[in-house]
Structure formats: C-alpha cells, structure tokens
Protein backbone atom coordinates (compact mmCIF):
# COMPACT_ATOMS: atom_id res chain seq x y z
CA MET A 1 69.07 45.08 -136.65
CA VAL A 2 65.90 44.92 -135.12
CA LYS A 3 66.90 45.06 -131.70
CA GLN A 4 68.61 49.06 -132.44
CA MET A 5 65.59 49.81 -134.42
CA GLN A 6 63.37 48.62 -131.15
CA ALA A 7 66.45 50.90 -129.19
CA HIS A 8 65.81 54.29 -131.81
CA ARG A 9 62.16 54.32 -131.16
CA ARG A 10 62.53 53.61 -127.56
CA ASN A 11 64.92 56.71 -127.86
CA TRP A 12 62.66 58.36 -130.20
CA SER A 13 59.12 57.97 -127.85
CA ASN A 14 61.55 59.66 -124.59
CA LEU A 15 62.66 62.85 -126.63
CA VAL A 16 58.56 63.30 -128.62
CA LEU A 17 57.36 62.82 -124.89
CA ALA A 18 59.79 64.73 -122.70
CA ALA A 19 59.38 67.62 -126.12
CA PRO A 20 56.67 71.17 -125.01
CA SER A 21 53.74 70.68 -126.71
CA SER A 22 53.88 73.73 -128.86
CA CYS A 23 56.53 72.73 -131.73
CA ASN A 24 59.84 73.89 -131.21
CA ARG A 25 59.14 77.17 -129.32
CA GLY A 26 59.85 75.38 -125.88
CA LEU A 27 63.25 73.91 -127.04
CA TRP A 28 65.00 77.32 -127.24
CA GLU A 29 63.13 78.45 -124.05
CA HIS A 30 66.31 77.14 -121.99
CA LEU A 31 69.10 79.33 -123.52
CA ALA A 32 69.81 82.37 -122.13
CA MET A 33 69.13 84.93 -125.09
CA THR A 34 70.81 88.34 -124.50
CA ASP A 35 68.92 91.36 -124.99
CA GLU A 36 70.43 92.04 -128.50
CA ALA A 37 69.00 88.41 -129.38
CA THR A 38 65.71 89.62 -128.10
CA ALA A 39 65.88 92.49 -130.16
CA ARG A 40 66.94 90.82 -133.09
CA ARG A 41 64.38 88.50 -132.84
CA ASP A 42 61.85 90.89 -131.74
CA ALA A 43 62.61 92.98 -135.21
CA ALA A 44 62.62 90.11 -137.23
CA LEU A 45 59.12 88.56 -136.13
CA LYS A 46 57.43 92.25 -136.24
CA ARG A 47 59.03 92.14 -139.60
CA LEU A 48 56.84 89.34 -140.23
CA ASP A 49 53.42 90.59 -138.87
CA GLU A 50 53.88 93.54 -141.15
CA LEU A 51 54.35 91.05 -144.58
CA SER A 52 51.36 89.46 -143.77
CA ALA A 53 49.55 91.49 -143.06
CA ALA A 54 50.49 93.03 -146.31
CA TYR A 55 49.86 89.44 -148.24
CA GLU A 56 46.68 89.29 -146.10
CA ALA A 57 45.93 93.03 -148.26
CA ALA A 58 46.97 92.28 -151.53
CA LYS A 59 45.06 88.89 -151.29
CA LYS A 60 42.00 90.13 -150.54
CA PRO A 61 41.59 92.83 -154.47
CA PHE A 62 43.01 89.47 -156.01
CA ASP A 63 40.29 86.99 -154.89
CA GLU A 64 37.56 89.32 -155.04
CA ALA A 65 38.34 89.67 -158.55
CA ARG A 66 38.64 85.98 -159.42
CA ASP A 67 35.01 85.75 -157.74
CA ALA A 68 34.06 88.04 -159.88
CA LEU A 69 35.37 86.46 -163.23
CA HIS A 70 34.26 83.09 -161.94
CA SER A 71 30.30 84.86 -161.13
CA ALA A 72 30.83 85.84 -165.18
CA VAL A 73 32.08 82.74 -166.24
CA VAL A 74 29.35 81.33 -164.89
CA GLU A 75 26.66 83.88 -166.18
CA ILE A 76 27.60 83.52 -169.69
CA LEU A 77 27.69 79.72 -169.87
CA LEU A 78 24.19 79.45 -168.12
CA ASN A 79 22.63 81.75 -170.38
CA ARG A 80 24.55 80.22 -173.47
CA GLU A 81 26.13 83.33 -174.26
CA ALA A 82 29.63 81.69 -175.44
CA ARG A 83 30.72 78.28 -175.36
CA PRO A 84 32.82 76.94 -172.98
CA GLY A 85 35.85 77.30 -175.52
CA GLU A 86 35.72 80.69 -176.54
CA VAL A 87 34.67 81.74 -172.45
CA SER A 88 38.34 80.13 -172.13
CA ASP A 89 40.02 82.35 -175.39
CA HIS A 90 39.09 85.38 -173.13
CA THR A 91 39.97 84.72 -170.03
CA PRO A 92 43.39 82.94 -168.00
CA TYR A 93 41.98 79.60 -167.39
CA ASP A 94 41.44 76.64 -169.84
CA ARG A 95 38.60 74.82 -171.30
CA ASN A 96 38.92 72.72 -168.63
CA HIS A 97 39.27 74.45 -166.55
CA ILE A 98 35.95 76.65 -167.25
CA ARG A 99 34.66 73.47 -167.56
CA ARG A 100 35.24 73.09 -164.03
CA ILE A 101 33.73 76.07 -162.42
CA ALA A 102 30.33 75.63 -164.19
CA ASN A 103 30.06 72.12 -162.88
CA ALA A 104 30.86 73.07 -159.49
CA ALA A 105 28.25 76.24 -160.04
CA GLY A 106 26.04 73.48 -161.38
CA VAL A 107 26.13 74.42 -165.37
CA PRO A 108 23.97 71.70 -167.09
CA PRO A 109 27.24 71.06 -170.52
CA LEU A 110 25.50 72.40 -173.89
CA ARG A 111 24.94 68.61 -175.35
CA GLU A 112 24.30 65.57 -172.51
CA SER A 113 26.24 62.99 -173.40
CA THR A 114 25.75 60.49 -176.51
CA VAL A 115 27.42 57.66 -174.40
CA ARG A 116 25.08 54.90 -172.82
CA SER A 117 26.93 53.35 -170.24
CA ALA A 118 26.12 48.68 -171.10
CA LYS A 119 26.44 49.54 -166.65
CA ARG A 120 22.63 51.98 -166.82
CA ASP A 121 20.69 49.76 -169.15
CA GLU A 122 20.59 46.18 -166.75
C-alpha cells in the first residue's frame, strides 16, 4: 500500500510539474477549437465581463450605504444618544454586531466591567 501511495505521489508530482503555471488555461490550449467554439467562448467571456462590471457597479452604492450606516451607529453610540440594544432595533444588525462595530471604532462601553480577573490582581 505504501508503494502504491508513493507511486501515486510520484505520478502526481510529474503531472503538476508538467502543467503550465496558469491554472487550467494551458490544458485547453492544445485542443483545436473551431470558429464556432471560439465565438461561443468569446461571447461567454464578454457576458461574464459585463455581468462582473454590473456587479461591481451595484456593489459600490451598497458599500457607501453600509459605511454611512456604520458611521451613524458609531456617532450615536459615542454621543450616548441611544443604547446599543435600541440602536440594533432600528438597524439590520443585532446588538452584538453593533458592539463589534463600536469596538472597531474605539467606542468605550457604557459602563466598565464589574468583574475583576484573579490574574490581574496578582
């Protein structure tokens, strides 16, 4: 069994070394593509390019809206205008995610922890 595994590894390493450096593109290059197949491939890739551009265009307003919402959450928590639970009731996030947003922005908690670690007291 060990010899079979070693032979398999040896065969696999030969394949990997023989394969071109760029993913699977080189594996398909040697096949003779007809004009029709080339046209279909080019049309498919063009469609992917268009859909990718549309995706990126749609993602930009979403990112801007999310960043504006996060900024408002941080501002409200910094000014102590509402508690994290109240903020979560008016946003698509739960209270724990509101706390993560606040922690990332450096907003201190409403009150300090009342529990002391035994390790810190030493």
